[in-house]
C-alpha atoms as a PDB file:
ATOM      1  CA  MET A   1     105.735  99.231  78.868  1.00  0.00           C
ATOM      2  CA  THR A   2     105.916 102.088  76.461  1.00  0.00           C
ATOM      3  CA  ASP A   3     105.440 105.768  77.107  1.00  0.00           C
ATOM      4  CA  LEU A   4     102.571 105.663  74.608  1.00  0.00           C
ATOM      5  CA  PHE A   5     100.228 104.232  77.254  1.00  0.00           C
ATOM      6  CA  LYS A   6      99.159 106.993  79.649  1.00  0.00           C
ATOM      7  CA  CYS A   7      96.848 107.077  82.641  1.00  0.00           C
ATOM      8  CA  ARG A   8      93.209 107.437  81.669  1.00  0.00           C
ATOM      9  CA  LYS A   9      91.534 110.646  82.787  1.00  0.00           C
ATOM     10  CA  ASN A  10      88.832 110.237  85.441  1.00  0.00           C
ATOM     11  CA  CYS A  11      89.904 106.703  86.334  1.00  0.00           C
ATOM     12  CA  GLY A  12      91.869 106.407  89.582  1.00  0.00           C
ATOM     13  CA  ALA A  13      91.378 102.620  89.711  1.00  0.00           C
ATOM     14  CA  CYS A  14      94.975 102.082  90.860  1.00  0.00           C
ATOM     15  CA  CYS A  15      94.348 104.506  93.747  1.00  0.00           C
ATOM     16  CA  ILE A  16      91.162 102.726  94.843  1.00  0.00           C
ATOM     17  CA  ALA A  17      91.185  98.968  94.148  1.00  0.00           C
ATOM     18  CA  PRO A  18      94.506  97.802  95.639  1.00  0.00           C
ATOM     19  CA  SER A  19      95.585  97.987  99.249  1.00  0.00           C
ATOM     20  CA  ILE A  20      98.744  99.963  99.987  1.00  0.00           C
ATOM     21  CA  SER A  21     100.706  98.850 103.029  1.00  0.00           C
ATOM     22  CA  SER A  22     103.253 101.689 102.886  1.00  0.00           C
ATOM     23  CA  THR A  23     102.851 104.907 104.781  1.00  0.00           C
ATOM     24  CA  ILE A  24     101.143 107.613 102.748  1.00  0.00           C
ATOM     25  CA  PRO A  25     101.016 111.265 103.867  1.00  0.00           C
ATOM     26  CA  SER A  26      97.884 111.622 106.032  1.00  0.00           C
ATOM     27  CA  MET A  27      97.470 107.808 105.894  1.00  0.00           C
ATOM     28  CA  PRO A  28     100.202 106.449 108.182  1.00  0.00           C
ATOM     29  CA  ASN A  29      98.853 102.888 108.007  1.00  0.00           C
ATOM     30  CA  GLY A  30      98.482 102.878 104.234  1.00  0.00           C
ATOM     31  CA  LYS A  31      95.052 102.217 102.760  1.00  0.00           C
ATOM     32  CA  PRO A  32      92.743  99.225 102.528  1.00  0.00           C
ATOM     33  CA  ALA A  33      91.633  97.750  99.218  1.00  0.00           C
ATOM     34  CA  GLY A  34      88.533  99.309  97.718  1.00  0.00           C
ATOM     35  CA  ILE A  35      88.978 102.616  99.558  1.00  0.00           C
ATOM     36  CA  ALA A  36      90.063 105.718  97.646  1.00  0.00           C
ATOM     37  CA  CYS A  37      93.425 107.157  98.649  1.00  0.00           C
ATOM     38  CA  PHE A  38      93.114 110.422 100.568  1.00  0.00           C
ATOM     39  CA  HIS A  39      95.188 112.089  97.824  1.00  0.00           C
ATOM     40  CA  LEU A  40      92.868 111.207  94.954  1.00  0.00           C
ATOM     41  CA  ASP A  41      91.156 114.402  93.825  1.00  0.00           C
ATOM     42  CA  GLU A  42      87.637 114.918  92.461  1.00  0.00           C
ATOM     43  CA  ASN A  43      88.944 114.211  88.923  1.00  0.00           C
ATOM     44  CA  PHE A  44      90.493 110.898  90.063  1.00  0.00           C
ATOM     45  CA  GLN A  45      94.024 112.287  89.728  1.00  0.00           C
ATOM     46  CA  CYS A  46      96.779 111.767  92.310  1.00  0.00           C
ATOM     47  CA  LYS A  47      97.610 114.977  94.167  1.00  0.00           C
ATOM     48  CA  LEU A  48     101.007 113.456  95.105  1.00  0.00           C
ATOM     49  CA  PHE A  49     102.024 112.648  91.522  1.00  0.00           C
ATOM     50  CA  GLY A  50     105.627 113.808  91.037  1.00  0.00           C
ATOM     51  CA  ASN A  51     106.004 114.521  94.766  1.00  0.00           C
ATOM     52  CA  ALA A  52     108.839 112.858  96.701  1.00  0.00           C
ATOM     53  CA  SER A  53     106.380 111.840  99.445  1.00  0.00           C
ATOM     54  CA  ARG A  54     104.439 109.627  97.017  1.00  0.00           C
ATOM     55  CA  PRO A  55     104.896 105.977  98.076  1.00  0.00           C
ATOM     56  CA  LEU A  56     107.434 104.005  96.060  1.00  0.00           C
ATOM     57  CA  VAL A  57     104.830 101.351  95.258  1.00  0.00           C
ATOM     58  CA  CYS A  58     102.714 104.035  93.577  1.00  0.00           C
ATOM     59  CA  SER A  59     105.649 105.498  91.672  1.00  0.00           C
ATOM     60  CA  ARG A  60     106.610 102.067  90.353  1.00  0.00           C
ATOM     61  CA  LEU A  61     103.119 101.208  89.136  1.00  0.00           C
ATOM     62  CA  LYS A  62     102.957 102.028  85.431  1.00  0.00           C
ATOM     63  CA  PRO A  63      99.836 102.034  83.278  1.00  0.00           C
ATOM     64  CA  CYS A  64      99.588  99.264  80.711  1.00  0.00           C
ATOM     65  CA  PHE A  65      96.795  97.740  78.658  1.00  0.00           C
ATOM     66  CA  GLU A  66      96.669  94.546  80.729  1.00  0.00           C
ATOM     67  CA  MET A  67      96.015  96.492  83.934  1.00  0.00           C
ATOM     68  CA  CYS A  68      93.965  99.383  82.580  1.00  0.00           C
ATOM     69  CA  GLY A  69      91.952  97.701  79.834  1.00  0.00           C
ATOM     70  CA  THR A  70      89.816  99.946  77.677  1.00  0.00           C
ATOM     71  CA  ASN A  71      87.827 101.649  80.434  1.00  0.00           C
ATOM     72  CA  ARG A  72      87.708 102.374  84.170  1.00  0.00           C
ATOM     73  CA  ASP A  73      85.439  99.413  84.937  1.00  0.00           C
ATOM     74  CA  GLN A  74      87.914  96.987  83.358  1.00  0.00           C
ATOM     75  CA  ALA A  75      90.759  98.551  85.338  1.00  0.00           C
ATOM     76  CA  MET A  76      88.800  98.268  88.607  1.00  0.00           C
ATOM     77  CA  ASP A  77      87.898  94.640  87.859  1.00  0.00           C
ATOM     78  CA  TYR A  78      91.487  93.679  87.013  1.00  0.00           C
ATOM     79  CA  LEU A  79      93.010  95.414  90.032  1.00  0.00           C
ATOM     80  CA  THR A  80      90.331  94.070  92.385  1.00  0.00           C
ATOM     81  CA  GLN A  81      90.967  90.525  91.168  1.00  0.00           C
ATOM     82  CA  LEU A  82      94.728  91.021  91.502  1.00  0.00           C
ATOM     83  CA  GLU A  83      94.244  92.286  95.054  1.00  0.00           C
ATOM     84  CA  GLN A  84      92.123  89.255  95.940  1.00  0.00           C
ATOM     85  CA  LEU A  85      94.676  86.856  94.437  1.00  0.00           C
ATOM     86  CA  THR A  86      97.621  88.412  96.284  1.00  0.00           C
ATOM     87  CA  SER A  87      96.098  89.230  99.690  1.00  0.00           C
ATOM     88  CA  ASN A  88      96.620  86.903 102.630  1.00  0.00           C
END
């Protein structure tokens, strides 16, 4: 991944589509797939970005064309399919 690929404004797909099993502040049991993280603001930006309490899984997820596509709908579709393929 290169630093040239940045998160798309008003997207938040990675904070909605996948499940997160780690503890998140105010979400001690993580979050289910398809549900927006409590820390996603009205502009679909993470309020924990850069904060030490942000889950490691979130910090390690980096935007790339394969995951994000060219628009929010493509990102949601990709991440939803990935969630379905990797869930038990």
